[in-house]
N, C-alpha and C. Protein backbone atom coordinates (compact mmCIF):
# COMPACT_ATOMS: atom_id res chain seq x y z
N MET A 1 -22.35 10.49 -6.69
CA MET A 1 -22.56 10.32 -5.73
C MET A 1 -21.36 10.76 -4.26
N ALA A 2 -21.85 11.13 -3.49
CA ALA A 2 -20.86 11.72 -2.58
C ALA A 2 -20.31 10.17 -1.50
N ALA A 3 -19.28 10.08 -1.22
CA ALA A 3 -18.79 8.58 -0.53
C ALA A 3 -19.21 9.50 0.98
N ARG A 4 -19.58 8.31 1.99
CA ARG A 4 -19.84 8.80 2.84
C ARG A 4 -19.01 8.35 4.38
N LYS A 5 -18.90 9.11 5.04
CA LYS A 5 -17.94 8.34 6.02
C LYS A 5 -18.26 7.68 6.68
N ASN A 6 -17.46 6.72 7.44
CA ASN A 6 -18.20 5.80 8.60
C ASN A 6 -17.39 5.97 9.59
N PRO A 7 -18.28 6.45 10.42
CA PRO A 7 -17.62 6.71 11.83
C PRO A 7 -16.75 5.81 12.59
N GLU A 8 -16.87 4.52 12.28
CA GLU A 8 -16.19 3.48 12.81
C GLU A 8 -15.03 3.28 12.17
N HIS A 9 -14.66 3.69 10.90
CA HIS A 9 -13.05 3.73 10.61
C HIS A 9 -12.28 4.98 10.98
N ARG A 10 -11.43 4.73 11.36
CA ARG A 10 -10.45 5.71 11.84
C ARG A 10 -9.74 6.28 10.33
N LYS A 11 -9.25 7.56 10.57
CA LYS A 11 -8.77 8.20 9.22
C LYS A 11 -7.47 7.22 8.78
N ALA A 12 -7.25 7.15 7.41
CA ALA A 12 -5.81 6.42 6.86
C ALA A 12 -4.82 6.91 7.53
N PRO A 13 -4.31 5.88 8.27
CA PRO A 13 -2.94 6.05 9.02
C PRO A 13 -1.95 6.55 7.73
N ALA A 14 -1.09 7.70 8.43
CA ALA A 14 -0.31 8.15 7.12
C ALA A 14 0.83 7.24 7.05
N ALA A 15 1.40 6.72 6.18
CA ALA A 15 2.59 5.91 6.17
C ALA A 15 3.82 6.77 6.45
N LEU A 16 3.33 8.04 5.71
CA LEU A 16 4.42 9.11 6.03
C LEU A 16 3.50 10.33 6.73
N THR A 17 4.22 10.99 7.44
CA THR A 17 3.42 11.88 8.42
C THR A 17 4.48 13.24 7.63
N GLY A 18 3.85 14.22 7.77
CA GLY A 18 3.95 15.68 7.09
C GLY A 18 5.81 15.94 7.54
N GLY A 19 6.33 16.66 6.75
CA GLY A 19 7.76 17.28 6.76
C GLY A 19 8.74 16.06 6.41
N ARG A 20 9.79 16.58 6.71
CA ARG A 20 10.93 15.63 6.38
C ARG A 20 11.55 15.45 7.88
N PRO A 21 12.37 14.54 8.29
CA PRO A 21 12.02 13.04 7.67
C PRO A 21 10.51 12.34 7.67
N TRP A 22 9.99 12.10 6.92
CA TRP A 22 8.52 11.20 6.82
C TRP A 22 8.98 9.89 8.19
N ARG A 23 7.82 10.10 8.70
CA ARG A 23 7.86 9.00 10.12
C ARG A 23 7.09 7.77 9.41
N VAL A 24 7.51 6.31 9.25
CA VAL A 24 7.05 5.26 8.65
C VAL A 24 6.24 4.64 9.94
N ASP A 25 5.20 4.43 10.07
CA ASP A 25 4.39 3.83 10.84
C ASP A 25 4.42 2.32 11.00
N ARG A 26 4.39 1.92 12.35
CA ARG A 26 4.42 0.54 12.56
C ARG A 26 3.51 -0.43 11.84
N GLY A 27 4.05 -1.29 11.67
CA GLY A 27 3.30 -2.56 10.66
C GLY A 27 3.65 -2.46 9.19
N ALA A 28 4.58 -1.37 8.82
CA ALA A 28 4.59 -0.84 7.67
C ALA A 28 5.47 -2.20 7.01
N THR A 29 6.30 -2.99 7.53
CA THR A 29 7.01 -3.82 6.93
C THR A 29 6.34 -5.43 7.17
N GLY A 30 5.21 -5.33 7.69
CA GLY A 30 4.48 -6.55 8.17
C GLY A 30 4.72 -7.40 8.91
N PHE A 31 5.84 -7.19 9.90
CA PHE A 31 6.28 -7.70 10.91
C PHE A 31 6.06 -7.25 12.44
N ARG A 32 6.14 -7.98 13.41
CA ARG A 32 5.64 -7.37 14.59
C ARG A 32 6.46 -8.42 16.08
N ASP A 33 6.84 -7.56 16.64
CA ASP A 33 7.90 -8.03 17.80
C ASP A 33 7.07 -9.45 18.67
N ALA A 34 7.73 -10.26 19.00
CA ALA A 34 7.34 -11.70 19.51
C ALA A 34 6.40 -10.90 20.93
N GLY A 35 5.24 -11.54 20.94
CA GLY A 35 4.30 -11.26 21.99
C GLY A 35 3.58 -9.97 22.00
N ALA A 36 3.95 -9.04 20.87
CA ALA A 36 3.13 -7.67 20.53
C ALA A 36 1.55 -8.43 19.66
N LYS A 37 0.73 -7.32 19.97
CA LYS A 37 -0.59 -7.42 19.53
C LYS A 37 -0.28 -7.58 18.32
N PRO A 38 -1.57 -8.63 17.47
CA PRO A 38 -1.53 -8.74 15.86
C PRO A 38 -1.61 -7.16 15.36
N LEU A 39 -0.93 -6.95 14.16
CA LEU A 39 -1.14 -6.11 13.23
C LEU A 39 -2.44 -5.82 12.83
N PRO A 40 -3.28 -4.77 12.61
CA PRO A 40 -4.57 -4.22 12.38
C PRO A 40 -4.36 -5.14 10.78
N SER A 41 -5.37 -5.30 10.21
CA SER A 41 -5.72 -6.06 8.69
C SER A 41 -6.70 -4.43 8.49
N THR A 42 -6.00 -4.46 6.95
CA THR A 42 -6.98 -3.76 6.08
C THR A 42 -8.36 -4.02 5.58
N ASP A 43 -9.22 -3.12 5.44
CA ASP A 43 -10.67 -3.93 5.47
C ASP A 43 -10.22 -3.97 4.06
N LEU A 44 -10.75 -5.38 3.35
CA LEU A 44 -10.46 -5.85 1.90
C LEU A 44 -11.94 -5.06 1.30
N THR A 45 -13.09 -5.59 1.89
CA THR A 45 -14.38 -4.93 1.47
C THR A 45 -14.30 -3.63 0.89
N ARG A 46 -13.81 -2.75 1.86
CA ARG A 46 -13.32 -1.21 1.32
C ARG A 46 -12.83 -1.26 0.34
N PHE A 47 -11.51 -1.74 0.11
CA PHE A 47 -10.81 -1.91 -0.77
C PHE A 47 -11.23 -2.36 -2.28
N ARG A 48 -11.79 -3.60 -2.36
CA ARG A 48 -12.67 -4.09 -3.60
C ARG A 48 -13.60 -3.32 -3.85
N ALA A 49 -14.49 -2.69 -3.03
CA ALA A 49 -15.25 -1.28 -3.41
C ALA A 49 -14.54 -0.30 -4.17
N ALA A 50 -13.77 0.22 -3.45
CA ALA A 50 -12.87 1.21 -3.73
C ALA A 50 -12.25 0.89 -5.86
N CYS A 51 -12.02 -0.39 -5.90
CA CYS A 51 -11.54 -0.88 -7.25
C CYS A 51 -12.95 -0.58 -8.05
N PHE A 52 -13.84 -1.07 -7.31
CA PHE A 52 -15.39 -1.22 -8.44
C PHE A 52 -15.23 0.18 -8.69
N ALA A 53 -15.65 1.29 -7.80
CA ALA A 53 -15.84 2.40 -8.35
C ALA A 53 -14.85 2.86 -9.27
N ALA A 54 -13.62 3.03 -9.14
CA ALA A 54 -12.31 3.31 -9.78
C ALA A 54 -12.59 2.61 -11.23
N ALA A 55 -12.99 1.43 -11.14
CA ALA A 55 -13.11 0.83 -12.58
C ALA A 55 -14.36 1.39 -13.31
N ARG A 56 -15.69 1.83 -12.76
CA ARG A 56 -16.44 2.48 -13.06
C ARG A 56 -16.11 3.79 -14.06
N THR A 57 -15.06 4.48 -12.94
CA THR A 57 -14.90 5.96 -13.54
C THR A 57 -14.00 5.65 -14.54
N ALA A 58 -13.00 4.38 -14.76
CA ALA A 58 -12.07 4.51 -15.64
C ALA A 58 -12.73 3.80 -17.01
N GLY A 59 -13.84 3.10 -16.65
CA GLY A 59 -14.45 2.41 -17.79
C GLY A 59 -13.68 1.04 -18.00
N GLY A 60 -13.42 0.74 -16.88
CA GLY A 60 -12.60 -0.95 -16.83
C GLY A 60 -13.26 -1.99 -16.12
N HIS A 61 -13.12 -3.06 -15.84
CA HIS A 61 -13.51 -3.98 -14.87
C HIS A 61 -12.44 -4.41 -13.77
N VAL A 62 -12.87 -5.26 -12.72
CA VAL A 62 -11.77 -5.48 -11.76
C VAL A 62 -11.59 -6.85 -11.52
N GLY A 63 -10.21 -7.47 -11.55
CA GLY A 63 -10.18 -8.65 -11.63
C GLY A 63 -9.76 -8.97 -10.00
N ALA A 64 -9.49 -10.29 -10.03
CA ALA A 64 -9.84 -11.06 -8.47
C ALA A 64 -8.56 -10.14 -7.65
N ALA A 65 -9.05 -10.06 -6.55
CA ALA A 65 -7.68 -9.61 -5.51
C ALA A 65 -7.10 -10.71 -5.13
N THR A 66 -5.66 -10.57 -5.17
CA THR A 66 -4.71 -11.66 -4.39
C THR A 66 -3.98 -11.01 -3.29
N ARG A 67 -3.45 -11.91 -2.87
CA ARG A 67 -2.17 -11.63 -1.70
C ARG A 67 -1.02 -12.66 -2.25
N PRO A 68 0.10 -12.16 -2.48
CA PRO A 68 0.98 -12.69 -3.00
C PRO A 68 1.49 -13.83 -1.62
N ALA A 69 2.01 -14.80 -1.54
CA ALA A 69 2.80 -15.49 -0.27
C ALA A 69 3.64 -14.60 0.16
N MET A 70 3.71 -14.65 1.37
CA MET A 70 4.89 -13.57 2.22
C MET A 70 4.44 -12.05 2.21
N ALA A 71 3.67 -11.55 1.61
CA ALA A 71 3.31 -10.20 0.79
C ALA A 71 2.78 -9.12 2.06
N THR A 72 3.16 -7.96 2.37
CA THR A 72 2.45 -7.15 2.79
C THR A 72 1.62 -6.25 1.91
N PHE A 73 1.12 -6.92 0.99
CA PHE A 73 -0.09 -6.10 0.38
C PHE A 73 -0.93 -7.24 -0.66
N HIS A 74 -1.98 -6.63 -0.97
CA HIS A 74 -3.27 -7.42 -1.84
C HIS A 74 -2.91 -6.99 -2.72
N ALA A 75 -3.03 -7.55 -4.42
CA ALA A 75 -2.98 -6.63 -5.62
C ALA A 75 -4.38 -6.86 -5.88
N ALA A 76 -4.64 -6.11 -7.13
CA ALA A 76 -5.76 -6.09 -7.91
C ALA A 76 -5.60 -5.61 -8.81
N THR A 77 -6.42 -5.80 -9.98
CA THR A 77 -6.07 -5.45 -11.62
C THR A 77 -7.71 -4.31 -11.96
N ILE A 78 -7.23 -3.40 -12.64
CA ILE A 78 -8.62 -2.93 -13.46
C ILE A 78 -7.91 -3.18 -14.90
N THR A 79 -8.55 -3.33 -15.52
CA THR A 79 -8.27 -3.49 -16.73
C THR A 79 -9.29 -3.05 -18.05
N GLY A 80 -8.91 -2.36 -18.84
CA GLY A 80 -10.28 -1.57 -19.74
C GLY A 80 -9.50 -2.17 -21.59
N HIS A 81 -9.94 -1.12 -22.44
CA HIS A 81 -9.89 -1.75 -23.79
C HIS A 81 -8.63 -1.22 -23.95
N GLY A 82 -7.54 -2.54 -23.92
CA GLY A 82 -5.85 -2.09 -24.37
C GLY A 82 -5.19 -1.53 -23.43
N TRP A 83 -5.80 -1.65 -22.12
CA TRP A 83 -4.68 -0.82 -20.91
C TRP A 83 -5.24 -1.90 -19.52
N SER A 84 -4.25 -1.89 -18.71
CA SER A 84 -4.65 -2.54 -17.73
C SER A 84 -3.47 -2.11 -16.41
N ARG A 85 -4.37 -1.66 -15.21
CA ARG A 85 -3.53 -1.21 -13.96
C ARG A 85 -3.37 -1.90 -12.98
N THR A 86 -2.14 -2.60 -12.16
CA THR A 86 -2.19 -3.13 -10.92
C THR A 86 -2.57 -2.10 -10.07
N ILE A 87 -3.27 -2.18 -8.88
CA ILE A 87 -3.14 -1.75 -7.66
C ILE A 87 -2.67 -2.10 -6.48
N LEU A 88 -1.91 -2.12 -5.63
CA LEU A 88 -1.28 -2.66 -4.53
C LEU A 88 -2.13 -2.13 -3.23
N CYS A 89 -2.41 -2.70 -1.87
CA CYS A 89 -3.33 -2.11 -1.12
C CYS A 89 -2.49 -2.77 0.33
N HIS A 90 -1.57 -1.95 0.92
CA HIS A 90 -0.92 -2.48 2.25
C HIS A 90 -2.01 -3.60 2.91
N ALA A 91 -1.49 -4.38 3.50
CA ALA A 91 -2.21 -5.54 3.96
C ALA A 91 -2.52 -4.90 5.63
N HIS A 92 -1.79 -3.83 6.02
CA HIS A 92 -1.68 -3.49 7.18
C HIS A 92 -1.87 -1.95 7.62
N LEU A 93 -1.77 -1.06 6.76
CA LEU A 93 -1.95 0.02 6.61
C LEU A 93 -2.48 0.71 5.48
N THR A 94 -3.69 1.91 5.64
CA THR A 94 -4.29 2.43 4.98
C THR A 94 -3.91 2.84 3.51
N VAL A 95 -3.09 2.24 2.74
CA VAL A 95 -2.73 3.03 1.77
C VAL A 95 -2.18 2.03 0.32
N VAL A 96 -2.46 2.68 -0.60
CA VAL A 96 -1.99 2.22 -1.96
C VAL A 96 -1.49 2.58 -2.80
N ALA A 97 -0.87 1.97 -4.02
CA ALA A 97 -0.01 2.39 -4.78
C ALA A 97 -0.01 1.83 -5.94
N PHE A 98 0.57 2.35 -7.34
CA PHE A 98 0.18 1.56 -8.18
C PHE A 98 1.70 1.12 -8.87
N PRO A 99 2.49 -0.25 -8.81
CA PRO A 99 3.51 -0.51 -9.65
C PRO A 99 3.49 -0.21 -11.09
N SER A 100 5.04 -0.11 -11.34
CA SER A 100 4.87 -0.20 -12.67
C SER A 100 5.20 -1.12 -13.49
N THR A 101 5.05 -2.77 -12.79
CA THR A 101 4.95 -3.93 -13.11
C THR A 101 4.24 -4.67 -12.39
N PRO A 102 3.21 -5.76 -12.71
CA PRO A 102 2.57 -6.57 -12.05
C PRO A 102 3.51 -7.27 -10.77
N PRO A 103 3.40 -7.30 -9.61
CA PRO A 103 4.55 -8.18 -8.97
C PRO A 103 4.34 -9.66 -9.64
N GLN A 104 5.48 -10.41 -9.17
CA GLN A 104 5.33 -11.61 -9.61
C GLN A 104 6.08 -12.66 -9.03
N GLY A 105 5.74 -13.57 -8.60
CA GLY A 105 5.66 -14.76 -7.83
C GLY A 105 6.01 -13.95 -6.43
N TRP A 106 7.31 -14.09 -5.99
CA TRP A 106 7.97 -13.80 -4.63
C TRP A 106 8.99 -12.69 -5.01
N GLU A 107 8.68 -11.80 -5.81
CA GLU A 107 9.40 -10.41 -6.08
C GLU A 107 8.36 -9.30 -5.60
N SER A 108 9.25 -8.44 -5.03
CA SER A 108 8.55 -7.01 -4.77
C SER A 108 8.58 -6.30 -5.84
N PRO A 109 7.49 -5.30 -5.72
CA PRO A 109 7.70 -4.28 -6.90
C PRO A 109 9.05 -3.04 -6.42
N GLN A 110 9.58 -3.12 -7.26
CA GLN A 110 10.98 -1.91 -7.41
C GLN A 110 10.28 -0.29 -7.72
N THR A 111 9.83 -0.55 -8.83
CA THR A 111 9.49 0.67 -8.87
C THR A 111 7.89 0.88 -9.38
N PHE A 112 7.44 2.18 -8.91
CA PHE A 112 5.90 2.60 -9.27
C PHE A 112 5.83 3.58 -9.83
N ASP A 113 4.89 3.67 -10.56
CA ASP A 113 3.86 4.98 -11.22
C ASP A 113 3.09 5.97 -10.63
N GLU A 114 3.40 7.05 -11.38
CA GLU A 114 2.15 7.98 -10.62
C GLU A 114 0.51 7.10 -10.91
N PRO A 115 -0.23 7.67 -9.68
CA PRO A 115 -1.73 7.17 -9.67
C PRO A 115 -2.32 7.59 -11.17
N PRO A 116 -2.94 7.22 -11.72
CA PRO A 116 -3.92 7.63 -12.95
C PRO A 116 -4.97 8.33 -12.28
N ASP A 117 -5.91 9.03 -12.93
CA ASP A 117 -6.88 10.18 -12.25
C ASP A 117 -8.13 9.41 -11.65
N TRP A 118 -8.11 8.28 -12.16
CA TRP A 118 -9.37 7.79 -11.35
C TRP A 118 -8.88 6.70 -10.03
N ALA A 119 -7.61 7.21 -9.55
CA ALA A 119 -7.24 6.89 -8.24
C ALA A 119 -7.83 7.52 -7.19
N GLY A 120 -8.61 8.63 -7.43
CA GLY A 120 -9.29 9.36 -6.23
C GLY A 120 -10.16 8.66 -5.66
N GLN A 121 -10.92 7.66 -6.63
CA GLN A 121 -11.82 6.99 -5.68
C GLN A 121 -11.03 6.04 -4.35
N PHE A 122 -10.07 5.78 -4.36
CA PHE A 122 -9.52 5.04 -3.41
C PHE A 122 -9.35 6.29 -2.17
N THR A 123 -8.95 7.61 -2.81
CA THR A 123 -9.13 8.61 -1.56
C THR A 123 -10.22 8.74 -1.14
N LEU A 124 -11.43 8.76 -1.59
CA LEU A 124 -12.90 9.00 -1.27
C LEU A 124 -13.29 7.73 -0.37
N ALA A 125 -12.34 6.36 -0.66
CA ALA A 125 -12.76 5.22 0.38
C ALA A 125 -12.18 5.38 1.56
N GLY A 126 -11.15 6.39 1.73
CA GLY A 126 -10.53 6.45 3.17
C GLY A 126 -8.79 5.89 2.65
N PHE A 127 -8.71 6.03 1.89
CA PHE A 127 -6.94 5.27 1.44
C PHE A 127 -6.15 6.48 1.20
N ARG A 128 -4.97 6.47 1.66
CA ARG A 128 -3.95 7.20 1.02
C ARG A 128 -2.96 6.63 0.16
N VAL A 129 -3.44 7.65 -1.20
CA VAL A 129 -2.66 6.92 -2.61
C VAL A 129 -1.35 7.61 -2.40
N LEU A 130 -0.48 6.77 -2.63
CA LEU A 130 0.76 7.21 -2.75
C LEU A 130 1.76 7.17 -4.26
N GLY A 131 2.40 8.43 -4.26
CA GLY A 131 2.89 8.85 -5.47
C GLY A 131 4.24 8.53 -5.70
N GLN A 132 4.38 8.34 -6.78
CA GLN A 132 5.89 8.01 -7.52
C GLN A 132 7.25 8.67 -6.60
N ALA A 133 6.98 9.77 -6.14
CA ALA A 133 8.28 10.45 -5.49
C ALA A 133 7.76 9.93 -4.16
N GLU A 134 6.98 9.91 -3.23
CA GLU A 134 6.85 9.42 -2.23
C GLU A 134 7.52 8.10 -1.93
N LEU A 135 7.10 7.18 -2.77
CA LEU A 135 7.87 5.60 -3.08
C LEU A 135 9.21 5.64 -3.36
N ALA A 136 9.42 6.35 -3.68
CA ALA A 136 11.21 6.63 -4.34
C ALA A 136 11.87 7.12 -3.44
N THR A 137 11.22 7.64 -2.06
CA THR A 137 11.81 8.47 -0.94
C THR A 137 12.99 6.99 -0.49
N PRO A 138 14.17 7.51 -0.61
CA PRO A 138 15.29 6.59 0.03
C PRO A 138 15.22 6.43 1.26
N VAL A 139 15.35 4.88 1.89
CA VAL A 139 15.17 4.40 3.16
C VAL A 139 16.05 5.54 4.11
N GLU A 140 17.05 6.21 3.74
CA GLU A 140 18.03 7.00 4.78
C GLU A 140 17.26 8.14 5.40
N GLU A 141 16.12 8.45 4.09
CA GLU A 141 15.45 10.01 4.70
C GLU A 141 14.27 9.81 5.18
N LEU A 142 14.10 8.51 5.59
CA LEU A 142 12.89 8.09 6.40
C LEU A 142 13.09 8.05 7.94
N ASP A 143 12.02 8.37 8.90
CA ASP A 143 12.44 8.32 10.46
C ASP A 143 11.66 7.05 10.46
N LEU A 144 12.34 5.81 11.12
CA LEU A 144 11.92 4.51 11.33
C LEU A 144 11.77 4.10 12.84
N THR A 145 11.92 5.13 13.61
CA THR A 145 11.83 5.04 14.74
C THR A 145 10.11 4.57 15.25
N ASN A 146 9.34 4.77 14.99
CA ASN A 146 7.93 3.83 15.33
C ASN A 146 8.03 2.40 14.95
N LEU A 147 8.70 2.30 14.20
CA LEU A 147 8.82 0.44 13.88
C LEU A 147 9.12 -0.07 15.12
N ALA A 148 8.58 -1.27 15.19
CA ALA A 148 9.07 -2.28 16.20
C ALA A 148 10.46 -2.81 15.69
N ARG A 149 11.04 -3.31 16.78
CA ARG A 149 12.25 -3.74 16.95
C ARG A 149 12.45 -4.94 15.73
N ALA A 150 11.40 -5.59 15.65
CA ALA A 150 11.74 -6.83 14.56
C ALA A 150 11.24 -6.18 13.10
N GLU A 151 10.87 -4.81 13.21
CA GLU A 151 10.42 -4.50 11.85
C GLU A 151 12.04 -3.49 11.35
N ARG A 152 12.55 -3.02 12.04
CA ARG A 152 14.14 -2.59 12.12
C ARG A 152 14.87 -3.66 11.63
N THR A 153 15.11 -5.09 12.27
CA THR A 153 15.74 -6.03 12.19
C THR A 153 15.64 -6.14 10.89
N GLN A 154 14.30 -6.52 10.36
CA GLN A 154 14.18 -6.73 8.65
C GLN A 154 14.50 -5.85 7.82
N VAL A 155 14.32 -4.65 8.34
CA VAL A 155 14.82 -3.52 7.40
C VAL A 155 16.73 -3.91 7.18
N ARG A 156 17.22 -3.88 8.45
CA ARG A 156 18.66 -4.12 8.31
C ARG A 156 18.76 -5.19 7.37
N HIS A 157 17.88 -6.26 7.57
CA HIS A 157 18.49 -7.60 6.66
C HIS A 157 18.19 -7.41 5.55
N TRP A 158 16.86 -6.98 5.02
CA TRP A 158 16.78 -7.05 3.47
C TRP A 158 17.00 -5.65 2.54
N ARG A 159 17.35 -4.63 3.56
CA ARG A 159 17.95 -3.56 2.79
C ARG A 159 16.93 -2.75 1.95
N PRO A 160 15.87 -2.30 1.81
CA PRO A 160 14.99 -2.10 1.13
C PRO A 160 16.01 -0.43 0.67
N ALA A 161 15.62 -0.31 -0.49
CA ALA A 161 16.54 1.20 -1.07
C ALA A 161 15.51 2.38 -0.76
N THR A 162 14.13 2.14 -1.07
CA THR A 162 12.81 2.70 -1.20
C THR A 162 12.06 2.64 -0.05
N LEU A 163 11.01 3.72 0.32
CA LEU A 163 9.93 3.52 0.96
C LEU A 163 8.95 2.65 0.24
N GLY A 164 9.05 2.36 -1.13
CA GLY A 164 8.02 1.64 -1.76
C GLY A 164 8.63 0.13 -1.32
N GLU A 165 9.88 -0.25 -1.52
CA GLU A 165 10.06 -1.44 -1.34
C GLU A 165 9.99 -1.75 0.10
N LEU A 166 9.93 -0.95 0.90
CA LEU A 166 9.86 -1.25 2.48
C LEU A 166 8.68 -1.33 2.68
N LEU A 167 7.44 -0.88 2.01
CA LEU A 167 6.18 -1.08 2.37
C LEU A 167 5.37 -2.06 1.55
N PHE A 168 6.21 -2.26 0.62
CA PHE A 168 5.02 -3.39 -0.48
C PHE A 168 6.24 -4.36 -0.68
N ASN A 169 6.29 -5.26 0.52
CA ASN A 169 7.36 -6.53 0.16
C ASN A 169 6.87 -7.70 0.43
N CYS A 170 8.21 -8.89 -0.16
CA CYS A 170 7.30 -10.14 -0.07
C CYS A 170 8.61 -10.98 0.79
N TRP A 171 9.00 -10.28 2.21
CA TRP A 171 10.18 -10.87 2.83
C TRP A 171 9.23 -12.02 3.35
N ASP A 172 10.41 -12.82 4.00
CA ASP A 172 9.99 -14.08 4.79
C ASP A 172 9.95 -13.84 6.12
């Protein structure tokens, strides 16, 4: 069954836009300037639906979606016979990624894997699926000019090494 486009849903904002350096979208860190409008929230119903579609494609089942304290992401797990994969969905940007190991407590994921074949279900649902090479891009190679002042301050404070660490963080 082909995925229908929701006319009310805007295209997935690119965490990265074409060419180098890649421009990181406002809200990527989960912070905003005092007095600024609240950041948009990713549609969790759509994320869960994509998880269920991916699980059907992969022959697995979906665990509960969670949002670790202070995290910029929601996490869900798809489990099959003898395997398990965690999917991270950014809380403010419509991007997903696959960490090498599930996040634990207050720790931000450090490394990411290539998306599995069934990750296309997230693309059909309007998410941008980020690959290992994109997520490993050093922060020095990113264009951070679209970030709010508060976000750039947090980046200087926490010093993420890669785009993946910047996007999927548990900063307080």
